[in-house]
Amino acid sequence: RTKDTHSISLVMYCIVVVAIVLWLVYGLLLNDGPLIVANALSLFPIVYIFIVKLVNTIKGKDKLSI
């Protein structure tokens, strides 16, 4: 609600986004429905939080924390 992302690591969220995308691609290659659905659904909130963190970092509200 407050969009406070000060305690979230941008690097960690980059790694999480890449990992979820890779699992989604793997599920697509295997044509595995549950794997595709699970990773596609989890990708939405993860990408949203990543974008909010990135915007806050660019605006200077957050520092680049590792």
PDB file of N, CA and C in Angstrom:
ATOM      1  N   ARG A   1       0.812  -1.196   0.000  1.00  0.00           N
ATOM      2  CA  ARG A   1       0.000   0.000   0.000  1.00  0.00           C
ATOM      3  C   ARG A   1       0.853   1.256   0.000  1.00  0.00           C
ATOM      4  N   THR A   2       1.935   1.230   0.766  1.00  0.00           N
ATOM      5  CA  THR A   2       2.776   2.413   0.855  1.00  0.00           C
ATOM      6  C   THR A   2       3.832   2.448  -0.234  1.00  0.00           C
ATOM      7  N   LYS A   3       4.018   1.346  -0.917  1.00  0.00           N
ATOM      8  CA  LYS A   3       5.029   1.194  -1.965  1.00  0.00           C
ATOM      9  C   LYS A   3       6.435   1.489  -1.441  1.00  0.00           C
ATOM     10  N   ASP A   4       6.663   1.196  -0.168  1.00  0.00           N
ATOM     11  CA  ASP A   4       7.978   1.344   0.432  1.00  0.00           C
ATOM     12  C   ASP A   4       8.795   0.097   0.114  1.00  0.00           C
ATOM     13  N   THR A   5       9.852   0.280  -0.643  1.00  0.00           N
ATOM     14  CA  THR A   5      10.681  -0.847  -1.061  1.00  0.00           C
ATOM     15  C   THR A   5      12.103  -0.726  -0.541  1.00  0.00           C
ATOM     16  N   HIS A   6      12.274   0.034   0.491  1.00  0.00           N
ATOM     17  CA  HIS A   6      13.606   0.293   1.036  1.00  0.00           C
ATOM     18  C   HIS A   6      14.318  -0.999   1.472  1.00  0.00           C
ATOM     19  N   SER A   7      13.593  -1.943   2.020  1.00  0.00           N
ATOM     20  CA  SER A   7      14.216  -3.157   2.564  1.00  0.00           C
ATOM     21  C   SER A   7      14.332  -4.289   1.542  1.00  0.00           C
ATOM     22  N   ILE A   8      14.023  -4.022   0.278  1.00  0.00           N
ATOM     23  CA  ILE A   8      14.093  -5.045  -0.764  1.00  0.00           C
ATOM     24  C   ILE A   8      15.360  -4.825  -1.590  1.00  0.00           C
ATOM     25  N   SER A   9      16.083  -5.889  -1.840  1.00  0.00           N
ATOM     26  CA  SER A   9      17.288  -5.814  -2.654  1.00  0.00           C
ATOM     27  C   SER A   9      16.927  -5.883  -4.135  1.00  0.00           C
ATOM     28  N   LEU A  10      17.378  -4.892  -4.881  1.00  0.00           N
ATOM     29  CA  LEU A  10      17.107  -4.860  -6.319  1.00  0.00           C
ATOM     30  C   LEU A  10      17.805  -6.013  -7.034  1.00  0.00           C
ATOM     31  N   VAL A  11      19.014  -6.321  -6.634  1.00  0.00           N
ATOM     32  CA  VAL A  11      19.764  -7.419  -7.251  1.00  0.00           C
ATOM     33  C   VAL A  11      19.061  -8.750  -7.004  1.00  0.00           C
ATOM     34  N   MET A  12      18.565  -8.948  -5.797  1.00  0.00           N
ATOM     35  CA  MET A  12      17.856 -10.182  -5.476  1.00  0.00           C
ATOM     36  C   MET A  12      16.607 -10.320  -6.336  1.00  0.00           C
ATOM     37  N   TYR A  13      15.885  -9.232  -6.523  1.00  0.00           N
ATOM     38  CA  TYR A  13      14.676  -9.311  -7.340  1.00  0.00           C
ATOM     39  C   TYR A  13      15.004  -9.527  -8.810  1.00  0.00           C
ATOM     40  N   CYS A  14      16.129  -9.009  -9.282  1.00  0.00           N
ATOM     41  CA  CYS A  14      16.571  -9.314 -10.651  1.00  0.00           C
ATOM     42  C   CYS A  14      16.780 -10.816 -10.812  1.00  0.00           C
ATOM     43  N   ILE A  15      17.444 -11.408  -9.843  1.00  0.00           N
ATOM     44  CA  ILE A  15      17.711 -12.847  -9.882  1.00  0.00           C
ATOM     45  C   ILE A  15      16.409 -13.637  -9.841  1.00  0.00           C
ATOM     46  N   VAL A  16      15.462 -13.226  -8.999  1.00  0.00           N
ATOM     47  CA  VAL A  16      14.181 -13.926  -8.889  1.00  0.00           C
ATOM     48  C   VAL A  16      13.398 -13.830 -10.198  1.00  0.00           C
ATOM     49  N   VAL A  17      13.367 -12.643 -10.809  1.00  0.00           N
ATOM     50  CA  VAL A  17      12.646 -12.480 -12.079  1.00  0.00           C
ATOM     51  C   VAL A  17      13.253 -13.380 -13.146  1.00  0.00           C
ATOM     52  N   VAL A  18      14.573 -13.401 -13.247  1.00  0.00           N
ATOM     53  CA  VAL A  18      15.233 -14.248 -14.245  1.00  0.00           C
ATOM     54  C   VAL A  18      14.934 -15.727 -13.976  1.00  0.00           C
ATOM     55  N   ALA A  19      14.976 -16.134 -12.719  1.00  0.00           N
ATOM     56  CA  ALA A  19      14.715 -17.536 -12.374  1.00  0.00           C
ATOM     57  C   ALA A  19      13.287 -17.947 -12.731  1.00  0.00           C
ATOM     58  N   ILE A  20      12.320 -17.101 -12.424  1.00  0.00           N
ATOM     59  CA  ILE A  20      10.927 -17.432 -12.737  1.00  0.00           C
ATOM     60  C   ILE A  20      10.712 -17.490 -14.249  1.00  0.00           C
ATOM     61  N   VAL A  21      11.318 -16.565 -14.977  1.00  0.00           N
ATOM     62  CA  VAL A  21      11.199 -16.580 -16.441  1.00  0.00           C
ATOM     63  C   VAL A  21      11.819 -17.853 -17.009  1.00  0.00           C
ATOM     64  N   LEU A  22      12.964 -18.262 -16.482  1.00  0.00           N
ATOM     65  CA  LEU A  22      13.595 -19.495 -16.964  1.00  0.00           C
ATOM     66  C   LEU A  22      12.745 -20.723 -16.666  1.00  0.00           C
ATOM     67  N   TRP A  23      12.127 -20.771 -15.487  1.00  0.00           N
ATOM     68  CA  TRP A  23      11.230 -21.881 -15.164  1.00  0.00           C
ATOM     69  C   TRP A  23      10.007 -21.868 -16.086  1.00  0.00           C
ATOM     70  N   LEU A  24       9.526 -20.673 -16.417  1.00  0.00           N
ATOM     71  CA  LEU A  24       8.386 -20.563 -17.331  1.00  0.00           C
ATOM     72  C   LEU A  24       8.765 -21.077 -18.722  1.00  0.00           C
ATOM     73  N   VAL A  25       9.926 -20.703 -19.200  1.00  0.00           N
ATOM     74  CA  VAL A  25      10.407 -21.188 -20.500  1.00  0.00           C
ATOM     75  C   VAL A  25      10.573 -22.708 -20.463  1.00  0.00           C
ATOM     76  N   TYR A  26      11.113 -23.228 -19.381  1.00  0.00           N
ATOM     77  CA  TYR A  26      11.276 -24.677 -19.231  1.00  0.00           C
ATOM     78  C   TYR A  26       9.909 -25.384 -19.282  1.00  0.00           C
ATOM     79  N   GLY A  27       8.934 -24.819 -18.587  1.00  0.00           N
ATOM     80  CA  GLY A  27       7.592 -25.389 -18.626  1.00  0.00           C
ATOM     81  C   GLY A  27       6.991 -25.346 -20.015  1.00  0.00           C
ATOM     82  N   LEU A  28       7.245 -24.256 -20.745  1.00  0.00           N
ATOM     83  CA  LEU A  28       6.745 -24.156 -22.117  1.00  0.00           C
ATOM     84  C   LEU A  28       7.417 -25.184 -23.022  1.00  0.00           C
ATOM     85  N   LEU A  29       8.715 -25.390 -22.830  1.00  0.00           N
ATOM     86  CA  LEU A  29       9.422 -26.380 -23.646  1.00  0.00           C
ATOM     87  C   LEU A  29       8.928 -27.795 -23.378  1.00  0.00           C
ATOM     88  N   LEU A  30       8.563 -28.060 -22.124  1.00  0.00           N
ATOM     89  CA  LEU A  30       8.049 -29.381 -21.769  1.00  0.00           C
ATOM     90  C   LEU A  30       6.556 -29.513 -22.027  1.00  0.00           C
ATOM     91  N   ASN A  31       5.915 -28.379 -22.306  1.00  0.00           N
ATOM     92  CA  ASN A  31       4.464 -28.326 -22.469  1.00  0.00           C
ATOM     93  C   ASN A  31       3.765 -28.862 -21.217  1.00  0.00           C
ATOM     94  N   ASP A  32       4.249 -28.436 -20.063  1.00  0.00           N
ATOM     95  CA  ASP A  32       3.745 -28.870 -18.756  1.00  0.00           C
ATOM     96  C   ASP A  32       2.825 -27.787 -18.194  1.00  0.00           C
ATOM     97  N   GLY A  33       1.536 -28.048 -18.248  1.00  0.00           N
ATOM     98  CA  GLY A  33       0.528 -27.077 -17.841  1.00  0.00           C
ATOM     99  C   GLY A  33       0.686 -26.524 -16.434  1.00  0.00           C
ATOM    100  N   PRO A  34       0.770 -27.375 -15.414  1.00  0.00           N
ATOM    101  CA  PRO A  34       0.912 -26.850 -14.051  1.00  0.00           C
ATOM    102  C   PRO A  34       2.167 -26.001 -13.849  1.00  0.00           C
ATOM    103  N   LEU A  35       3.266 -26.384 -14.472  1.00  0.00           N
ATOM    104  CA  LEU A  35       4.502 -25.618 -14.356  1.00  0.00           C
ATOM    105  C   LEU A  35       4.353 -24.251 -15.022  1.00  0.00           C
ATOM    106  N   ILE A  36       3.699 -24.218 -16.159  1.00  0.00           N
ATOM    107  CA  ILE A  36       3.468 -22.960 -16.873  1.00  0.00           C
ATOM    108  C   ILE A  36       2.563 -22.045 -16.062  1.00  0.00           C
ATOM    109  N   VAL A  37       1.459 -22.578 -15.574  1.00  0.00           N
ATOM    110  CA  VAL A  37       0.486 -21.768 -14.830  1.00  0.00           C
ATOM    111  C   VAL A  37       1.096 -21.233 -13.537  1.00  0.00           C
ATOM    112  N   ALA A  38       1.782 -22.079 -12.814  1.00  0.00           N
ATOM    113  CA  ALA A  38       2.364 -21.663 -11.534  1.00  0.00           C
ATOM    114  C   ALA A  38       3.377 -20.533 -11.728  1.00  0.00           C
ATOM    115  N   ASN A  39       4.235 -20.663 -12.709  1.00  0.00           N
ATOM    116  CA  ASN A  39       5.253 -19.647 -12.926  1.00  0.00           C
ATOM    117  C   ASN A  39       4.692 -18.389 -13.567  1.00  0.00           C
ATOM    118  N   ALA A  40       3.714 -18.532 -14.434  1.00  0.00           N
ATOM    119  CA  ALA A  40       3.088 -17.356 -15.040  1.00  0.00           C
ATOM    120  C   ALA A  40       2.347 -16.544 -13.981  1.00  0.00           C
ATOM    121  N   LEU A  41       1.642 -17.224 -13.092  1.00  0.00           N
ATOM    122  CA  LEU A  41       0.911 -16.510 -12.042  1.00  0.00           C
ATOM    123  C   LEU A  41       1.842 -15.854 -11.029  1.00  0.00           C
ATOM    124  N   SER A  42       2.942 -16.499 -10.723  1.00  0.00           N
ATOM    125  CA  SER A  42       3.874 -15.910  -9.752  1.00  0.00           C
ATOM    126  C   SER A  42       4.684 -14.773 -10.372  1.00  0.00           C
ATOM    127  N   LEU A  43       4.773 -14.748 -11.681  1.00  0.00           N
ATOM    128  CA  LEU A  43       5.549 -13.712 -12.349  1.00  0.00           C
ATOM    129  C   LEU A  43       4.908 -12.330 -12.210  1.00  0.00           C
ATOM    130  N   PHE A  44       3.587 -12.247 -12.196  1.00  0.00           N
ATOM    131  CA  PHE A  44       2.897 -10.954 -12.126  1.00  0.00           C
ATOM    132  C   PHE A  44       3.236 -10.157 -10.870  1.00  0.00           C
ATOM    133  N   PRO A  45       3.047 -10.680  -9.666  1.00  0.00           N
ATOM    134  CA  PRO A  45       3.386  -9.863  -8.487  1.00  0.00           C
ATOM    135  C   PRO A  45       4.886  -9.621  -8.346  1.00  0.00           C
ATOM    136  N   ILE A  46       5.701 -10.571  -8.771  1.00  0.00           N
ATOM    137  CA  ILE A  46       7.146 -10.403  -8.667  1.00  0.00           C
ATOM    138  C   ILE A  46       7.616  -9.272  -9.590  1.00  0.00           C
ATOM    139  N   VAL A  47       7.108  -9.240 -10.814  1.00  0.00           N
ATOM    140  CA  VAL A  47       7.486  -8.178 -11.750  1.00  0.00           C
ATOM    141  C   VAL A  47       6.960  -6.832 -11.266  1.00  0.00           C
ATOM    142  N   TYR A  48       5.763  -6.801 -10.690  1.00  0.00           N
ATOM    143  CA  TYR A  48       5.214  -5.553 -10.160  1.00  0.00           C
ATOM    144  C   TYR A  48       6.110  -4.983  -9.054  1.00  0.00           C
ATOM    145  N   ILE A  49       6.495  -5.822  -8.120  1.00  0.00           N
ATOM    146  CA  ILE A  49       7.364  -5.375  -7.024  1.00  0.00           C
ATOM    147  C   ILE A  49       8.726  -4.941  -7.581  1.00  0.00           C
ATOM    148  N   PHE A  50       9.244  -5.666  -8.551  1.00  0.00           N
ATOM    149  CA  PHE A  50      10.515  -5.300  -9.177  1.00  0.00           C
ATOM    150  C   PHE A  50      10.429  -3.925  -9.832  1.00  0.00           C
ATOM    151  N   ILE A  51       9.344  -3.657 -10.538  1.00  0.00           N
ATOM    152  CA  ILE A  51       9.172  -2.362 -11.206  1.00  0.00           C
ATOM    153  C   ILE A  51       9.057  -1.236 -10.184  1.00  0.00           C
ATOM    154  N   VAL A  52       8.298  -1.451  -9.113  1.00  0.00           N
ATOM    155  CA  VAL A  52       8.175  -0.431  -8.073  1.00  0.00           C
ATOM    156  C   VAL A  52       9.533  -0.157  -7.438  1.00  0.00           C
ATOM    157  N   LYS A  53      10.291  -1.192  -7.153  1.00  0.00           N
ATOM    158  CA  LYS A  53      11.627  -1.027  -6.575  1.00  0.00           C
ATOM    159  C   LYS A  53      12.538  -0.274  -7.542  1.00  0.00           C
ATOM    160  N   LEU A  54      12.493  -0.618  -8.815  1.00  0.00           N
ATOM    161  CA  LEU A  54      13.316   0.038  -9.818  1.00  0.00           C
ATOM    162  C   LEU A  54      12.958   1.517  -9.938  1.00  0.00           C
ATOM    163  N   VAL A  55      11.677   1.827  -9.964  1.00  0.00           N
ATOM    164  CA  VAL A  55      11.229   3.224 -10.045  1.00  0.00           C
ATOM    165  C   VAL A  55      11.672   3.997  -8.807  1.00  0.00           C
ATOM    166  N   ASN A  56      11.513   3.408  -7.630  1.00  0.00           N
ATOM    167  CA  ASN A  56      11.935   4.081  -6.401  1.00  0.00           C
ATOM    168  C   ASN A  56      13.447   4.309  -6.375  1.00  0.00           C
ATOM    169  N   THR A  57      14.198   3.372  -6.919  1.00  0.00           N
ATOM    170  CA  THR A  57      15.653   3.521  -6.964  1.00  0.00           C
ATOM    171  C   THR A  57      16.048   4.627  -7.943  1.00  0.00           C
ATOM    172  N   ILE A  58      15.393   4.669  -9.088  1.00  0.00           N
ATOM    173  CA  ILE A  58      15.694   5.699 -10.085  1.00  0.00           C
ATOM    174  C   ILE A  58      15.325   7.084  -9.559  1.00  0.00           C
ATOM    175  N   LYS A  59      14.195   7.186  -8.868  1.00  0.00           N
ATOM    176  CA  LYS A  59      13.760   8.478  -8.324  1.00  0.00           C
ATOM    177  C   LYS A  59      14.587   8.921  -7.129  1.00  0.00           C
ATOM    178  N   GLY A  60      15.392   8.032  -6.578  1.00  0.00           N
ATOM    179  CA  GLY A  60      16.230   8.369  -5.446  1.00  0.00           C
ATOM    180  C   GLY A  60      15.589   8.138  -4.086  1.00  0.00           C
ATOM    181  N   LYS A  61      14.411   7.538  -4.062  1.00  0.00           N
ATOM    182  CA  LYS A  61      13.752   7.221  -2.804  1.00  0.00           C
ATOM    183  C   LYS A  61      14.462   6.089  -2.070  1.00  0.00           C
ATOM    184  N   ASP A  62      15.042   5.172  -2.849  1.00  0.00           N
ATOM    185  CA  ASP A  62      15.789   4.035  -2.307  1.00  0.00           C
ATOM    186  C   ASP A  62      17.204   4.084  -2.836  1.00  0.00           C
ATOM    187  N   LYS A  63      18.126   3.559  -2.036  1.00  0.00           N
ATOM    188  CA  LYS A  63      19.482   3.413  -2.557  1.00  0.00           C
ATOM    189  C   LYS A  63      19.622   2.037  -3.161  1.00  0.00           C
ATOM    190  N   LEU A  64      20.605   1.854  -3.991  1.00  0.00           N
ATOM    191  CA  LEU A  64      20.854   0.564  -4.633  1.00  0.00           C
ATOM    192  C   LEU A  64      21.466  -0.358  -3.587  1.00  0.00           C
ATOM    193  N   SER A  65      20.634  -1.254  -3.050  1.00  0.00           N
ATOM    194  CA  SER A  65      21.118  -2.180  -2.019  1.00  0.00           C
ATOM    195  C   SER A  65      21.321  -3.554  -2.615  1.00  0.00           C
ATOM    196  N   ILE A  66      22.361  -4.229  -2.163  1.00  0.00           N
ATOM    197  CA  ILE A  66      22.689  -5.556  -2.688  1.00  0.00           C
ATOM    198  C   ILE A  66      22.331  -6.603  -1.678  1.00  0.00           C
TER     199      ILE A  66
END
